Amino acid sequence: MLVSAGKLIEIIYGSSKLEAQDLSAIYNCLVNYSYQFAGFLIGSLAVRFLHATQQVKQVCVIALMNLILNIILNYILMKNQGVAGIALSTSFVYSFSAIAIMFVAFRTRSDDTTAQRQ
């Protein structure tokens, strides 16, 4: 996605009445937002595991932390980078979410393994 972002924007918006500065802003948003794909994928898989192991409370706590973190980062990064900062904030939150969910998933898995050994 990062490699083809410029061409993608040129294909979609190239024939419109947008100026080069507008296309650059769209490119920055797309690049910043594309950083979240790995976090989104890992987090989505780990959430399914947590739901299957009935760890719904932990998922809700992480979701609440994500909401608070997203609001704070949106406010901070929007002041510095504008709309591209909001996209970057979303990417940070997805990465944080994936790390937190994987931590809970590994802890849940190790607890299950320990319980089975005893």
Protein backbone atom coordinates (compact mmCIF):
# COMPACT_ATOMS: atom_id res chain seq x y z
CA MET A 1 0.00 0.00 0.00
CA LEU A 2 2.80 2.39 0.86
CA VAL A 3 4.53 1.73 -2.45
CA SER A 4 1.43 2.24 -4.60
CA ALA A 5 -0.19 5.08 -2.62
CA GLY A 6 0.96 7.80 -5.01
CA LYS A 7 -0.29 5.98 -8.09
CA LEU A 8 -3.56 5.10 -6.39
CA ILE A 9 -4.25 8.72 -5.52
CA GLU A 10 -3.28 9.83 -9.01
CA ILE A 11 -5.71 7.31 -10.55
CA ILE A 12 -8.60 8.19 -8.25
CA TYR A 13 -8.17 11.95 -7.88
CA GLY A 14 -5.82 12.89 -10.73
CA SER A 15 -8.51 14.07 -13.13
CA SER A 16 -10.39 16.08 -10.51
CA LYS A 17 -10.03 19.77 -9.78
CA LEU A 18 -7.83 19.16 -6.76
CA GLU A 19 -4.54 20.99 -6.58
CA ALA A 20 -1.15 19.37 -5.95
CA GLN A 21 -1.28 20.48 -2.30
CA ASP A 22 -4.62 18.70 -1.83
CA LEU A 23 -3.29 15.52 -3.44
CA SER A 24 -0.26 15.68 -1.15
CA ALA A 25 -2.53 15.93 1.89
CA ILE A 26 -4.53 12.92 0.71
CA TYR A 27 -1.28 11.00 0.14
CA ASN A 28 -0.09 11.80 3.68
CA CYS A 29 -3.39 10.62 5.15
CA LEU A 30 -3.30 7.39 3.17
CA VAL A 31 0.29 6.66 4.16
CA ASN A 32 -0.34 7.38 7.85
CA TYR A 33 -3.51 5.32 7.85
CA SER A 34 -1.89 2.38 6.09
CA TYR A 35 0.43 1.82 9.05
CA GLN A 36 -2.51 0.33 10.94
CA PHE A 37 -3.06 -2.72 8.72
CA ALA A 38 -0.73 -5.07 10.65
CA GLY A 39 -2.14 -4.00 14.01
CA PHE A 40 -5.68 -4.37 12.75
CA LEU A 41 -5.06 -7.88 11.41
CA ILE A 42 -3.24 -9.14 14.52
CA GLY A 43 -5.75 -7.51 16.85
CA SER A 44 -8.73 -8.93 14.98
CA LEU A 45 -7.39 -12.47 15.18
CA ALA A 46 -6.49 -12.13 18.86
CA VAL A 47 -9.93 -10.72 19.71
CA ARG A 48 -11.54 -13.78 18.14
CA PHE A 49 -9.35 -15.97 20.35
CA LEU A 50 -10.32 -13.98 23.46
CA HIS A 51 -14.01 -14.23 22.60
CA ALA A 52 -13.64 -17.98 22.10
CA THR A 53 -12.00 -18.28 25.53
CA GLN A 54 -14.72 -16.08 27.06
CA GLN A 55 -12.40 -13.20 27.95
CA VAL A 56 -14.93 -10.57 26.90
CA LYS A 57 -14.32 -8.32 29.93
CA GLN A 58 -10.67 -7.84 28.95
CA VAL A 59 -11.68 -6.97 25.39
CA CYS A 60 -14.07 -4.32 26.71
CA VAL A 61 -11.38 -2.81 28.96
CA ILE A 62 -8.94 -2.63 26.04
CA ALA A 63 -11.64 -1.07 23.85
CA LEU A 64 -12.24 1.62 26.49
CA MET A 65 -8.49 2.31 26.71
CA ASN A 66 -8.40 2.55 22.90
CA LEU A 67 -11.19 5.11 22.93
CA ILE A 68 -9.44 7.29 25.49
CA LEU A 69 -6.07 6.96 23.75
CA ASN A 70 -7.63 7.77 20.37
CA ILE A 71 -9.24 10.94 21.68
CA ILE A 72 -5.99 12.13 23.28
CA LEU A 73 -3.81 11.29 20.28
CA ASN A 74 -6.31 12.80 17.83
CA TYR A 75 -6.22 16.05 19.76
CA ILE A 76 -2.42 16.15 19.97
CA LEU A 77 -1.59 15.01 16.44
CA MET A 78 -4.37 17.00 14.79
CA LYS A 79 -2.79 20.21 16.08
CA ASN A 80 0.59 19.29 14.60
CA GLN A 81 -0.30 17.45 11.38
CA GLY A 82 -3.93 18.17 10.63
CA VAL A 83 -6.00 15.39 9.10
CA ALA A 84 -2.90 13.26 8.52
CA GLY A 85 -2.36 13.35 12.30
CA ILE A 86 -5.78 11.84 12.87
CA ALA A 87 -4.90 9.00 10.50
CA LEU A 88 -1.60 8.49 12.31
CA SER A 89 -3.40 8.51 15.65
CA THR A 90 -5.69 5.75 14.43
CA SER A 91 -2.65 3.72 13.37
CA PHE A 92 -1.04 4.17 16.79
CA VAL A 93 -4.23 3.08 18.52
CA TYR A 94 -4.54 -0.06 16.38
CA SER A 95 -0.92 -0.93 17.18
CA PHE A 96 -1.45 -0.36 20.90
CA SER A 97 -4.63 -2.40 20.75
CA ALA A 98 -2.90 -5.31 19.02
CA ILE A 99 -0.11 -5.33 21.61
CA ALA A 100 -2.55 -5.17 24.52
CA ILE A 101 -4.80 -7.87 23.08
CA MET A 102 -1.86 -10.15 22.30
CA PHE A 103 -0.58 -9.68 25.86
CA VAL A 104 -3.96 -10.74 27.27
CA ALA A 105 -4.24 -13.60 24.76
CA PHE A 106 -0.79 -14.98 25.63
CA ARG A 107 -1.52 -14.62 29.33
CA THR A 108 -4.85 -16.42 28.86
CA ARG A 109 -3.17 -19.16 26.84
CA SER A 110 -0.40 -19.66 29.40
CA ASP A 111 -2.97 -19.77 32.22
CA ASP A 112 -4.91 -22.46 30.32
CA THR A 113 -1.74 -24.47 29.70
CA THR A 114 -0.72 -24.26 33.36
CA ALA A 115 -4.19 -25.33 34.51
CA GLN A 116 -4.12 -28.36 32.17
CA ARG A 117 -0.73 -29.51 33.51
CA GLN A 118 -1.97 -29.62 37.08
